[in-house]
């Protein structure tokens, strides 16, 4: 049985707004390397924006 997470969000295009439904299969998880790379991207972006990192 697959574990699925579902959230609702919104997107705007010009003056129009659209409801967006996002479904993610959370059963498989991410490989360790993908998680580390995403942490590094967030860290670099926050440094670029000169925000405090805790």
PDB file of N, CA and C in Angstrom:
ATOM      1  N   UNK A   1       0.843  -1.179   0.000  1.00  0.00           N
ATOM      2  CA  UNK A   1       0.000   0.000   0.000  1.00  0.00           C
ATOM      3  C   UNK A   1       0.886   1.239   0.000  1.00  0.00           C
ATOM      4  N   UNK A   2       0.616   2.155  -0.892  1.00  0.00           N
ATOM      5  CA  UNK A   2       1.387   3.389  -0.990  1.00  0.00           C
ATOM      6  C   UNK A   2       0.884   4.418   0.010  1.00  0.00           C
ATOM      7  N   UNK A   3       1.822   5.120   0.600  1.00  0.00           N
ATOM      8  CA  UNK A   3       1.476   6.234   1.476  1.00  0.00           C
ATOM      9  C   UNK A   3       1.478   7.494   0.631  1.00  0.00           C
ATOM     10  N   UNK A   4       0.375   8.208   0.634  1.00  0.00           N
ATOM     11  CA  UNK A   4       0.249   9.400  -0.180  1.00  0.00           C
ATOM     12  C   UNK A   4      -0.133  10.576   0.708  1.00  0.00           C
ATOM     13  N   UNK A   5       0.594  11.679   0.543  1.00  0.00           N
ATOM     14  CA  UNK A   5       0.249  12.922   1.233  1.00  0.00           C
ATOM     15  C   UNK A   5      -0.384  13.845   0.205  1.00  0.00           C
ATOM     16  N   UNK A   6      -1.443  14.526   0.610  1.00  0.00           N
ATOM     17  CA  UNK A   6      -2.130  15.435  -0.298  1.00  0.00           C
ATOM     18  C   UNK A   6      -2.273  16.794   0.376  1.00  0.00           C
ATOM     19  N   UNK A   7      -1.883  17.838  -0.342  1.00  0.00           N
ATOM     20  CA  UNK A   7      -2.068  19.197   0.149  1.00  0.00           C
ATOM     21  C   UNK A   7      -2.687  20.040  -0.958  1.00  0.00           C
ATOM     22  N   UNK A   8      -3.269  21.134  -0.571  1.00  0.00           N
ATOM     23  CA  UNK A   8      -3.828  22.070  -1.532  1.00  0.00           C
ATOM     24  C   UNK A   8      -3.051  23.371  -1.435  1.00  0.00           C
ATOM     25  N   UNK A   9      -2.821  23.972  -2.573  1.00  0.00           N
ATOM     26  CA  UNK A   9      -2.101  25.230  -2.642  1.00  0.00           C
ATOM     27  C   UNK A   9      -2.787  26.095  -3.681  1.00  0.00           C
ATOM     28  N   UNK A  10      -2.179  27.218  -4.000  1.00  0.00           N
ATOM     29  CA  UNK A  10      -2.742  28.109  -5.009  1.00  0.00           C
ATOM     30  C   UNK A  10      -1.629  28.629  -5.896  1.00  0.00           C
ATOM     31  N   UNK A  11      -1.995  28.941  -7.120  1.00  0.00           N
ATOM     32  CA  UNK A  11      -1.055  29.529  -8.066  1.00  0.00           C
ATOM     33  C   UNK A  11      -1.735  30.713  -8.735  1.00  0.00           C
ATOM     34  N   UNK A  12      -0.955  31.721  -9.018  1.00  0.00           N
ATOM     35  CA  UNK A  12      -1.504  32.874  -9.732  1.00  0.00           C
ATOM     36  C   UNK A  12      -0.793  33.016 -11.068  1.00  0.00           C
ATOM     37  N   UNK A  13      -1.585  33.321 -12.077  1.00  0.00           N
ATOM     38  CA  UNK A  13      -1.074  33.604 -13.412  1.00  0.00           C
ATOM     39  C   UNK A  13      -1.727  34.902 -13.839  1.00  0.00           C
ATOM     40  N   UNK A  14      -0.936  35.963 -13.828  1.00  0.00           N
ATOM     41  CA  UNK A  14      -1.520  37.272 -14.112  1.00  0.00           C
ATOM     42  C   UNK A  14      -2.501  37.633 -13.017  1.00  0.00           C
ATOM     43  N   UNK A  15      -3.749  37.904 -13.394  1.00  0.00           N
ATOM     44  CA  UNK A  15      -4.790  38.227 -12.417  1.00  0.00           C
ATOM     45  C   UNK A  15      -5.639  37.023 -12.040  1.00  0.00           C
ATOM     46  N   UNK A  16      -5.370  35.877 -12.656  1.00  0.00           N
ATOM     47  CA  UNK A  16      -6.155  34.672 -12.398  1.00  0.00           C
ATOM     48  C   UNK A  16      -5.500  33.837 -11.302  1.00  0.00           C
ATOM     49  N   UNK A  17      -6.347  33.215 -10.474  1.00  0.00           N
ATOM     50  CA  UNK A  17      -5.877  32.315  -9.420  1.00  0.00           C
ATOM     51  C   UNK A  17      -6.389  30.915  -9.691  1.00  0.00           C
ATOM     52  N   UNK A  18      -5.563  29.927  -9.368  1.00  0.00           N
ATOM     53  CA  UNK A  18      -5.928  28.539  -9.598  1.00  0.00           C
ATOM     54  C   UNK A  18      -5.652  27.718  -8.345  1.00  0.00           C
ATOM     55  N   UNK A  19      -6.560  26.798  -8.046  1.00  0.00           N
ATOM     56  CA  UNK A  19      -6.356  25.851  -6.961  1.00  0.00           C
ATOM     57  C   UNK A  19      -5.458  24.739  -7.485  1.00  0.00           C
ATOM     58  N   UNK A  20      -4.437  24.390  -6.705  1.00  0.00           N
ATOM     59  CA  UNK A  20      -3.500  23.344  -7.094  1.00  0.00           C
ATOM     60  C   UNK A  20      -3.545  22.248  -6.044  1.00  0.00           C
ATOM     61  N   UNK A  21      -3.764  21.032  -6.489  1.00  0.00           N
ATOM     62  CA  UNK A  21      -3.761  19.866  -5.601  1.00  0.00           C
ATOM     63  C   UNK A  21      -2.444  19.125  -5.820  1.00  0.00           C
ATOM     64  N   UNK A  22      -1.697  18.903  -4.738  1.00  0.00           N
ATOM     65  CA  UNK A  22      -0.394  18.252  -4.824  1.00  0.00           C
ATOM     66  C   UNK A  22      -0.467  16.936  -4.073  1.00  0.00           C
ATOM     67  N   UNK A  23      -0.126  15.839  -4.763  1.00  0.00           N
ATOM     68  CA  UNK A  23      -0.058  14.528  -4.132  1.00  0.00           C
ATOM     69  C   UNK A  23       1.366  14.010  -4.243  1.00  0.00           C
ATOM     70  N   UNK A  24       1.877  13.466  -3.120  1.00  0.00           N
ATOM     71  CA  UNK A  24       3.243  12.962  -3.084  1.00  0.00           C
ATOM     72  C   UNK A  24       3.236  11.573  -2.474  1.00  0.00           C
ATOM     73  N   UNK A  25       3.936  10.650  -3.123  1.00  0.00           N
ATOM     74  CA  UNK A  25       4.115   9.315  -2.570  1.00  0.00           C
ATOM     75  C   UNK A  25       5.231   9.389  -1.542  1.00  0.00           C
ATOM     76  N   UNK A  26       4.886   9.227  -0.263  1.00  0.00           N
ATOM     77  CA  UNK A  26       5.879   9.360   0.800  1.00  0.00           C
ATOM     78  C   UNK A  26       6.377   8.006   1.288  1.00  0.00           C
ATOM     79  N   UNK A  27       5.941   6.942   0.653  1.00  0.00           N
ATOM     80  CA  UNK A  27       6.342   5.612   1.080  1.00  0.00           C
ATOM     81  C   UNK A  27       7.793   5.300   0.782  1.00  0.00           C
ATOM     82  N   UNK A  28       8.301   5.771  -0.350  1.00  0.00           N
ATOM     83  CA  UNK A  28       9.653   5.424  -0.767  1.00  0.00           C
ATOM     84  C   UNK A  28      10.704   6.264  -0.062  1.00  0.00           C
ATOM     85  N   UNK A  29      10.418   7.509   0.198  1.00  0.00           N
ATOM     86  CA  UNK A  29      11.398   8.392   0.821  1.00  0.00           C
ATOM     87  C   UNK A  29      12.445   8.839  -0.174  1.00  0.00           C
ATOM     88  N   UNK A  30      13.333   9.707   0.260  1.00  0.00           N
ATOM     89  CA  UNK A  30      14.404  10.206  -0.596  1.00  0.00           C
ATOM     90  C   UNK A  30      15.715   9.526  -0.240  1.00  0.00           C
ATOM     91  N   UNK A  31      16.557   9.317  -1.235  1.00  0.00           N
ATOM     92  CA  UNK A  31      17.898   8.815  -0.925  1.00  0.00           C
ATOM     93  C   UNK A  31      18.655   9.836  -0.086  1.00  0.00           C
ATOM     94  N   UNK A  32      19.593   9.371   0.703  1.00  0.00           N
ATOM     95  CA  UNK A  32      20.362  10.257   1.578  1.00  0.00           C
ATOM     96  C   UNK A  32      21.056  11.369   0.808  1.00  0.00           C
ATOM     97  N   UNK A  33      21.573  11.070  -0.373  1.00  0.00           N
ATOM     98  CA  UNK A  33      22.291  12.060  -1.168  1.00  0.00           C
ATOM     99  C   UNK A  33      21.367  13.197  -1.585  1.00  0.00           C
ATOM    100  N   UNK A  34      20.134  12.899  -1.956  1.00  0.00           N
ATOM    101  CA  UNK A  34      19.183  13.936  -2.362  1.00  0.00           C
ATOM    102  C   UNK A  34      18.861  14.868  -1.201  1.00  0.00           C
ATOM    103  N   UNK A  35      18.751  14.312  -0.009  1.00  0.00           N
ATOM    104  CA  UNK A  35      18.461  15.128   1.174  1.00  0.00           C
ATOM    105  C   UNK A  35      19.635  16.053   1.470  1.00  0.00           C
ATOM    106  N   UNK A  36      20.843  15.523   1.410  1.00  0.00           N
ATOM    107  CA  UNK A  36      22.026  16.341   1.670  1.00  0.00           C
ATOM    108  C   UNK A  36      22.158  17.459   0.638  1.00  0.00           C
ATOM    109  N   UNK A  37      21.889  17.156  -0.630  1.00  0.00           N
ATOM    110  CA  UNK A  37      21.990  18.181  -1.665  1.00  0.00           C
ATOM    111  C   UNK A  37      20.949  19.279  -1.448  1.00  0.00           C
ATOM    112  N   UNK A  38      19.741  18.903  -1.036  1.00  0.00           N
ATOM    113  CA  UNK A  38      18.711  19.916  -0.812  1.00  0.00           C
ATOM    114  C   UNK A  38      19.067  20.786   0.390  1.00  0.00           C
ATOM    115  N   UNK A  39      19.650  20.209   1.433  1.00  0.00           N
ATOM    116  CA  UNK A  39      20.094  20.998   2.590  1.00  0.00           C
ATOM    117  C   UNK A  39      21.140  22.013   2.160  1.00  0.00           C
ATOM    118  N   UNK A  40      22.054  21.580   1.295  1.00  0.00           N
ATOM    119  CA  UNK A  40      23.102  22.477   0.822  1.00  0.00           C
ATOM    120  C   UNK A  40      22.516  23.620  -0.002  1.00  0.00           C
ATOM    121  N   UNK A  41      21.527  23.341  -0.850  1.00  0.00           N
ATOM    122  CA  UNK A  41      20.905  24.397  -1.651  1.00  0.00           C
ATOM    123  C   UNK A  41      20.205  25.418  -0.766  1.00  0.00           C
ATOM    124  N   UNK A  42      19.515  24.954   0.263  1.00  0.00           N
ATOM    125  CA  UNK A  42      18.832  25.871   1.182  1.00  0.00           C
ATOM    126  C   UNK A  42      19.857  26.710   1.928  1.00  0.00           C
ATOM    127  N   UNK A  43      20.918  26.081   2.398  1.00  0.00           N
ATOM    128  CA  UNK A  43      21.978  26.789   3.126  1.00  0.00           C
ATOM    129  C   UNK A  43      22.583  27.887   2.253  1.00  0.00           C
ATOM    130  N   UNK A  44      22.930  27.557   1.003  1.00  0.00           N
ATOM    131  CA  UNK A  44      23.532  28.537   0.104  1.00  0.00           C
ATOM    132  C   UNK A  44      22.572  29.684  -0.211  1.00  0.00           C
ATOM    133  N   UNK A  45      21.315  29.383  -0.392  1.00  0.00           N
ATOM    134  CA  UNK A  45      20.323  30.422  -0.685  1.00  0.00           C
ATOM    135  C   UNK A  45      20.190  31.374   0.507  1.00  0.00           C
ATOM    136  N   UNK A  46      20.148  30.824   1.706  1.00  0.00           N
ATOM    137  CA  UNK A  46      20.021  31.678   2.884  1.00  0.00           C
ATOM    138  C   UNK A  46      21.275  32.542   3.066  1.00  0.00           C
ATOM    139  N   UNK A  47      22.445  31.988   2.772  1.00  0.00           N
ATOM    140  CA  UNK A  47      23.667  32.795   2.837  1.00  0.00           C
ATOM    141  C   UNK A  47      23.607  33.930   1.811  1.00  0.00           C
ATOM    142  N   UNK A  48      23.128  33.612   0.633  1.00  0.00           N
ATOM    143  CA  UNK A  48      23.025  34.612  -0.427  1.00  0.00           C
ATOM    144  C   UNK A  48      22.073  35.730  -0.015  1.00  0.00           C
ATOM    145  N   UNK A  49      20.987  35.367   0.663  1.00  0.00           N
ATOM    146  CA  UNK A  49      20.005  36.344   1.089  1.00  0.00           C
ATOM    147  C   UNK A  49      20.416  37.062   2.371  1.00  0.00           C
ATOM    148  N   UNK A  50      21.538  36.613   2.974  1.00  0.00           N
ATOM    149  CA  UNK A  50      22.087  37.204   4.206  1.00  0.00           C
ATOM    150  C   UNK A  50      21.111  37.155   5.372  1.00  0.00           C
ATOM    151  N   UNK A  51      20.463  36.028   5.499  1.00  0.00           N
ATOM    152  CA  UNK A  51      19.555  35.820   6.628  1.00  0.00           C
ATOM    153  C   UNK A  51      20.285  34.999   7.689  1.00  0.00           C
ATOM    154  N   UNK A  52      19.823  35.121   8.906  1.00  0.00           N
ATOM    155  CA  UNK A  52      20.394  34.317   9.986  1.00  0.00           C
ATOM    156  C   UNK A  52      20.018  32.858   9.776  1.00  0.00           C
ATOM    157  N   UNK A  53      20.975  31.979   9.988  1.00  0.00           N
ATOM    158  CA  UNK A  53      20.740  30.544   9.863  1.00  0.00           C
ATOM    159  C   UNK A  53      20.919  29.919  11.249  1.00  0.00           C
ATOM    160  N   UNK A  54      19.900  29.237  11.685  1.00  0.00           N
ATOM    161  CA  UNK A  54      19.963  28.578  12.988  1.00  0.00           C
ATOM    162  C   UNK A  54      19.839  27.102  12.817  1.00  0.00           C
TER     163      UNK A  54
END
